[in-house]
Amino acid sequence: MSKGSRIAIGVVALLCSLTFLFSAINPDSSIPAGPPVFYGLAILCFIIAIACFFPKSHPFTLRIIGATICVAYTAYLLDSIGSPNFFRALMGSFVFGIPSGYLAITGKSPTWDAISEGFKSKQNNDNDDNSSK
């Protein structure tokens, strides 16, 4: 992924993190899911921003992001057993949950995943080669 893309995604993730944080802190709003969910989303967006701004943190931050997505899809799949949404939850688990679980375990996007090429761009590999010298 190019440096410009990482910066743009990082800035948006940081703004989302602040928005979730201020939404959770706001005493006037009655959040249906409660403030803990918004605090969790703020932390997740902040971790995404860290992963974008500091590529050397990827072995740790990508595992946290992958584990979060995998657990969310597993919970959605278990919650939708016997409901009309079960097929959607099953497909979502195959498309997003399993690759995210692989990312959480190995720290790398699976080679059979469609997005893996975005993480292995030529520019990113050139930067890795130069930093190891």
C-alpha atoms as a PDB file:
ATOM      1  CA  MET A   1       0.000   0.000   0.000  1.00  0.00           C
ATOM      2  CA  SER A   2       1.369   3.417  -0.874  1.00  0.00           C
ATOM      3  CA  LYS A   3       2.448   5.886   1.770  1.00  0.00           C
ATOM      4  CA  GLY A   4      -0.247   8.365   0.705  1.00  0.00           C
ATOM      5  CA  SER A   5      -2.956   5.739   1.091  1.00  0.00           C
ATOM      6  CA  ARG A   6      -1.712   4.795   4.544  1.00  0.00           C
ATOM      7  CA  ILE A   7      -1.707   8.442   5.626  1.00  0.00           C
ATOM      8  CA  ALA A   8      -5.214   9.073   4.260  1.00  0.00           C
ATOM      9  CA  ILE A   9      -6.634   5.964   5.935  1.00  0.00           C
ATOM     10  CA  GLY A  10      -4.775   6.815   9.156  1.00  0.00           C
ATOM     11  CA  VAL A  11      -6.208  10.335   9.284  1.00  0.00           C
ATOM     12  CA  VAL A  12      -9.754   9.060   8.695  1.00  0.00           C
ATOM     13  CA  ALA A  13      -9.281   6.351  11.350  1.00  0.00           C
ATOM     14  CA  LEU A  14      -8.009   8.945  13.813  1.00  0.00           C
ATOM     15  CA  LEU A  15     -11.017  11.195  13.139  1.00  0.00           C
ATOM     16  CA  CYS A  16     -13.355   8.206  13.573  1.00  0.00           C
ATOM     17  CA  SER A  17     -11.625   7.358  16.832  1.00  0.00           C
ATOM     18  CA  LEU A  18     -12.168  10.871  18.157  1.00  0.00           C
ATOM     19  CA  THR A  19     -15.800  10.842  17.002  1.00  0.00           C
ATOM     20  CA  PHE A  20     -16.497   7.541  18.776  1.00  0.00           C
ATOM     21  CA  LEU A  21     -14.736   8.798  21.889  1.00  0.00           C
ATOM     22  CA  PHE A  22     -16.708  12.057  22.001  1.00  0.00           C
ATOM     23  CA  SER A  23     -19.951  10.142  21.338  1.00  0.00           C
ATOM     24  CA  ALA A  24     -19.261   7.867  24.309  1.00  0.00           C
ATOM     25  CA  ILE A  25     -18.329  10.771  26.591  1.00  0.00           C
ATOM     26  CA  ASN A  26     -21.362  12.917  25.684  1.00  0.00           C
ATOM     27  CA  PRO A  27     -23.666  12.753  28.730  1.00  0.00           C
ATOM     28  CA  ASP A  28     -26.704  14.109  26.850  1.00  0.00           C
ATOM     29  CA  SER A  29     -27.007  11.257  24.366  1.00  0.00           C
ATOM     30  CA  SER A  30     -28.644   7.947  25.104  1.00  0.00           C
ATOM     31  CA  ILE A  31     -26.599   5.457  23.129  1.00  0.00           C
ATOM     32  CA  PRO A  32     -28.576   2.234  22.525  1.00  0.00           C
ATOM     33  CA  ALA A  33     -25.542  -0.066  22.850  1.00  0.00           C
ATOM     34  CA  GLY A  34     -24.036   1.938  25.684  1.00  0.00           C
ATOM     35  CA  PRO A  35     -20.746   3.812  26.002  1.00  0.00           C
ATOM     36  CA  PRO A  36     -18.496   0.702  26.309  1.00  0.00           C
ATOM     37  CA  VAL A  37     -19.172  -0.227  22.680  1.00  0.00           C
ATOM     38  CA  PHE A  38     -18.180   3.261  21.555  1.00  0.00           C
ATOM     39  CA  TYR A  39     -15.047   3.190  23.707  1.00  0.00           C
ATOM     40  CA  GLY A  40     -14.143  -0.129  22.074  1.00  0.00           C
ATOM     41  CA  LEU A  41     -14.712   1.278  18.586  1.00  0.00           C
ATOM     42  CA  ALA A  42     -12.602   4.326  19.464  1.00  0.00           C
ATOM     43  CA  ILE A  43      -9.752   2.060  20.569  1.00  0.00           C
ATOM     44  CA  LEU A  44     -10.063  -0.078  17.421  1.00  0.00           C
ATOM     45  CA  CYS A  45      -9.963   2.982  15.149  1.00  0.00           C
ATOM     46  CA  PHE A  46      -6.956   4.286  17.068  1.00  0.00           C
ATOM     47  CA  ILE A  47      -5.167   0.953  16.547  1.00  0.00           C
ATOM     48  CA  ILE A  48      -5.974   1.168  12.820  1.00  0.00           C
ATOM     49  CA  ALA A  49      -4.444   4.665  12.770  1.00  0.00           C
ATOM     50  CA  ILE A  50      -1.319   3.380  14.532  1.00  0.00           C
ATOM     51  CA  ALA A  51      -1.033   0.597  11.948  1.00  0.00           C
ATOM     52  CA  CYS A  52      -1.263   3.179   9.162  1.00  0.00           C
ATOM     53  CA  PHE A  53       1.222   5.689  10.576  1.00  0.00           C
ATOM     54  CA  PHE A  54       3.760   3.196  11.930  1.00  0.00           C
ATOM     55  CA  PRO A  55       4.223   0.216   9.541  1.00  0.00           C
ATOM     56  CA  LYS A  56       6.762  -1.384  11.890  1.00  0.00           C
ATOM     57  CA  SER A  57       3.896  -1.963  14.334  1.00  0.00           C
ATOM     58  CA  HIS A  58       2.148  -4.301  11.864  1.00  0.00           C
ATOM     59  CA  PRO A  59       3.156  -7.585  13.550  1.00  0.00           C
ATOM     60  CA  PHE A  60       1.238  -6.464  16.636  1.00  0.00           C
ATOM     61  CA  THR A  61      -1.487  -4.113  15.372  1.00  0.00           C
ATOM     62  CA  LEU A  62      -2.623  -6.261  12.447  1.00  0.00           C
ATOM     63  CA  ARG A  63      -3.112  -9.188  14.807  1.00  0.00           C
ATOM     64  CA  ILE A  64      -5.325  -7.085  17.074  1.00  0.00           C
ATOM     65  CA  ILE A  65      -7.385  -5.862  14.105  1.00  0.00           C
ATOM     66  CA  GLY A  66      -7.691  -9.378  12.683  1.00  0.00           C
ATOM     67  CA  ALA A  67      -8.693 -10.874  16.024  1.00  0.00           C
ATOM     68  CA  THR A  68     -11.335  -8.191  16.534  1.00  0.00           C
ATOM     69  CA  ILE A  69     -12.915  -8.816  13.124  1.00  0.00           C
ATOM     70  CA  CYS A  70     -12.749 -12.600  13.567  1.00  0.00           C
ATOM     71  CA  VAL A  71     -14.380 -12.476  17.005  1.00  0.00           C
ATOM     72  CA  ALA A  72     -17.076 -10.087  15.750  1.00  0.00           C
ATOM     73  CA  TYR A  73     -17.998 -12.379  12.850  1.00  0.00           C
ATOM     74  CA  THR A  74     -17.928 -15.454  15.090  1.00  0.00           C
ATOM     75  CA  ALA A  75     -20.294 -13.730  17.545  1.00  0.00           C
ATOM     76  CA  TYR A  76     -22.551 -12.662  14.656  1.00  0.00           C
ATOM     77  CA  LEU A  77     -22.566 -16.216  13.275  1.00  0.00           C
ATOM     78  CA  LEU A  78     -23.422 -17.743  16.659  1.00  0.00           C
ATOM     79  CA  ASP A  79     -26.081 -15.114  17.332  1.00  0.00           C
ATOM     80  CA  SER A  80     -27.800 -15.695  13.991  1.00  0.00           C
ATOM     81  CA  ILE A  81     -28.191 -19.480  14.291  1.00  0.00           C
ATOM     82  CA  GLY A  82     -31.829 -20.249  13.540  1.00  0.00           C
ATOM     83  CA  SER A  83     -32.557 -16.786  12.172  1.00  0.00           C
ATOM     84  CA  PRO A  84     -33.018 -15.650   8.559  1.00  0.00           C
ATOM     85  CA  ASN A  85     -29.611 -13.909   8.711  1.00  0.00           C
ATOM     86  CA  PHE A  86     -27.688 -17.157   9.238  1.00  0.00           C
ATOM     87  CA  PHE A  87     -26.673 -17.512   5.567  1.00  0.00           C
ATOM     88  CA  ARG A  88     -25.408 -13.914   5.501  1.00  0.00           C
ATOM     89  CA  ALA A  89     -23.455 -14.462   8.710  1.00  0.00           C
ATOM     90  CA  LEU A  90     -21.979 -17.672   7.302  1.00  0.00           C
ATOM     91  CA  MET A  91     -20.899 -15.964   4.061  1.00  0.00           C
ATOM     92  CA  GLY A  92     -19.492 -13.008   5.993  1.00  0.00           C
ATOM     93  CA  SER A  93     -17.517 -15.389   8.166  1.00  0.00           C
ATOM     94  CA  PHE A  94     -16.042 -17.077   5.100  1.00  0.00           C
ATOM     95  CA  VAL A  95     -15.216 -13.808   3.338  1.00  0.00           C
ATOM     96  CA  PHE A  96     -14.044 -11.714   6.302  1.00  0.00           C
ATOM     97  CA  GLY A  97     -13.915 -13.831   9.464  1.00  0.00           C
ATOM     98  CA  ILE A  98     -11.616 -16.656   8.346  1.00  0.00           C
ATOM     99  CA  PRO A  99      -9.034 -14.391   6.619  1.00  0.00           C
ATOM    100  CA  SER A 100      -9.074 -12.125   9.680  1.00  0.00           C
ATOM    101  CA  GLY A 101      -8.501 -15.112  11.929  1.00  0.00           C
ATOM    102  CA  TYR A 102      -5.546 -16.121   9.754  1.00  0.00           C
ATOM    103  CA  LEU A 103      -4.235 -12.551  10.034  1.00  0.00           C
ATOM    104  CA  ALA A 104      -4.634 -12.678  13.827  1.00  0.00           C
ATOM    105  CA  ILE A 105      -2.673 -15.922  14.092  1.00  0.00           C
ATOM    106  CA  THR A 106       0.124 -15.325  11.572  1.00  0.00           C
ATOM    107  CA  GLY A 107       0.330 -11.530  11.435  1.00  0.00           C
ATOM    108  CA  LYS A 108       0.161 -11.628   7.622  1.00  0.00           C
ATOM    109  CA  SER A 109      -2.704 -11.433   5.167  1.00  0.00           C
ATOM    110  CA  PRO A 110      -3.303 -14.826   3.540  1.00  0.00           C
ATOM    111  CA  THR A 111      -1.877 -15.205   0.036  1.00  0.00           C
ATOM    112  CA  TRP A 112      -5.198 -16.591  -1.198  1.00  0.00           C
ATOM    113  CA  ASP A 113      -7.035 -13.483   0.018  1.00  0.00           C
ATOM    114  CA  ALA A 114      -7.976 -10.876  -2.578  1.00  0.00           C
ATOM    115  CA  ILE A 115      -6.561  -7.996  -0.512  1.00  0.00           C
ATOM    116  CA  SER A 116      -3.171  -9.586   0.073  1.00  0.00           C
ATOM    117  CA  GLU A 117      -1.687  -7.906  -3.003  1.00  0.00           C
ATOM    118  CA  GLY A 118      -2.491  -4.496  -1.525  1.00  0.00           C
ATOM    119  CA  PHE A 119      -0.231  -5.248   1.419  1.00  0.00           C
ATOM    120  CA  LYS A 120       2.547  -6.576  -0.812  1.00  0.00           C
ATOM    121  CA  SER A 121       2.859  -3.740  -3.302  1.00  0.00           C
ATOM    122  CA  LYS A 122       6.165  -3.092  -5.043  1.00  0.00           C
ATOM    123  CA  GLN A 123       6.564   0.258  -3.298  1.00  0.00           C
ATOM    124  CA  ASN A 124       6.047  -1.331   0.121  1.00  0.00           C
ATOM    125  CA  ASN A 125       8.551  -4.095  -0.667  1.00  0.00           C
ATOM    126  CA  ASP A 126      11.100  -1.538  -1.881  1.00  0.00           C
ATOM    127  CA  ASN A 127      10.750   0.384   1.390  1.00  0.00           C
ATOM    128  CA  ASP A 128      11.228  -2.843   3.370  1.00  0.00           C
ATOM    129  CA  ASP A 129      14.370  -3.671   1.367  1.00  0.00           C
ATOM    130  CA  ASN A 130      15.850  -0.225   1.965  1.00  0.00           C
ATOM    131  CA  SER A 131      15.079  -0.256   5.688  1.00  0.00           C
ATOM    132  CA  SER A 132      16.845  -3.575   6.234  1.00  0.00           C
ATOM    133  CA  LYS A 133      20.165  -2.269   4.855  1.00  0.00           C
END
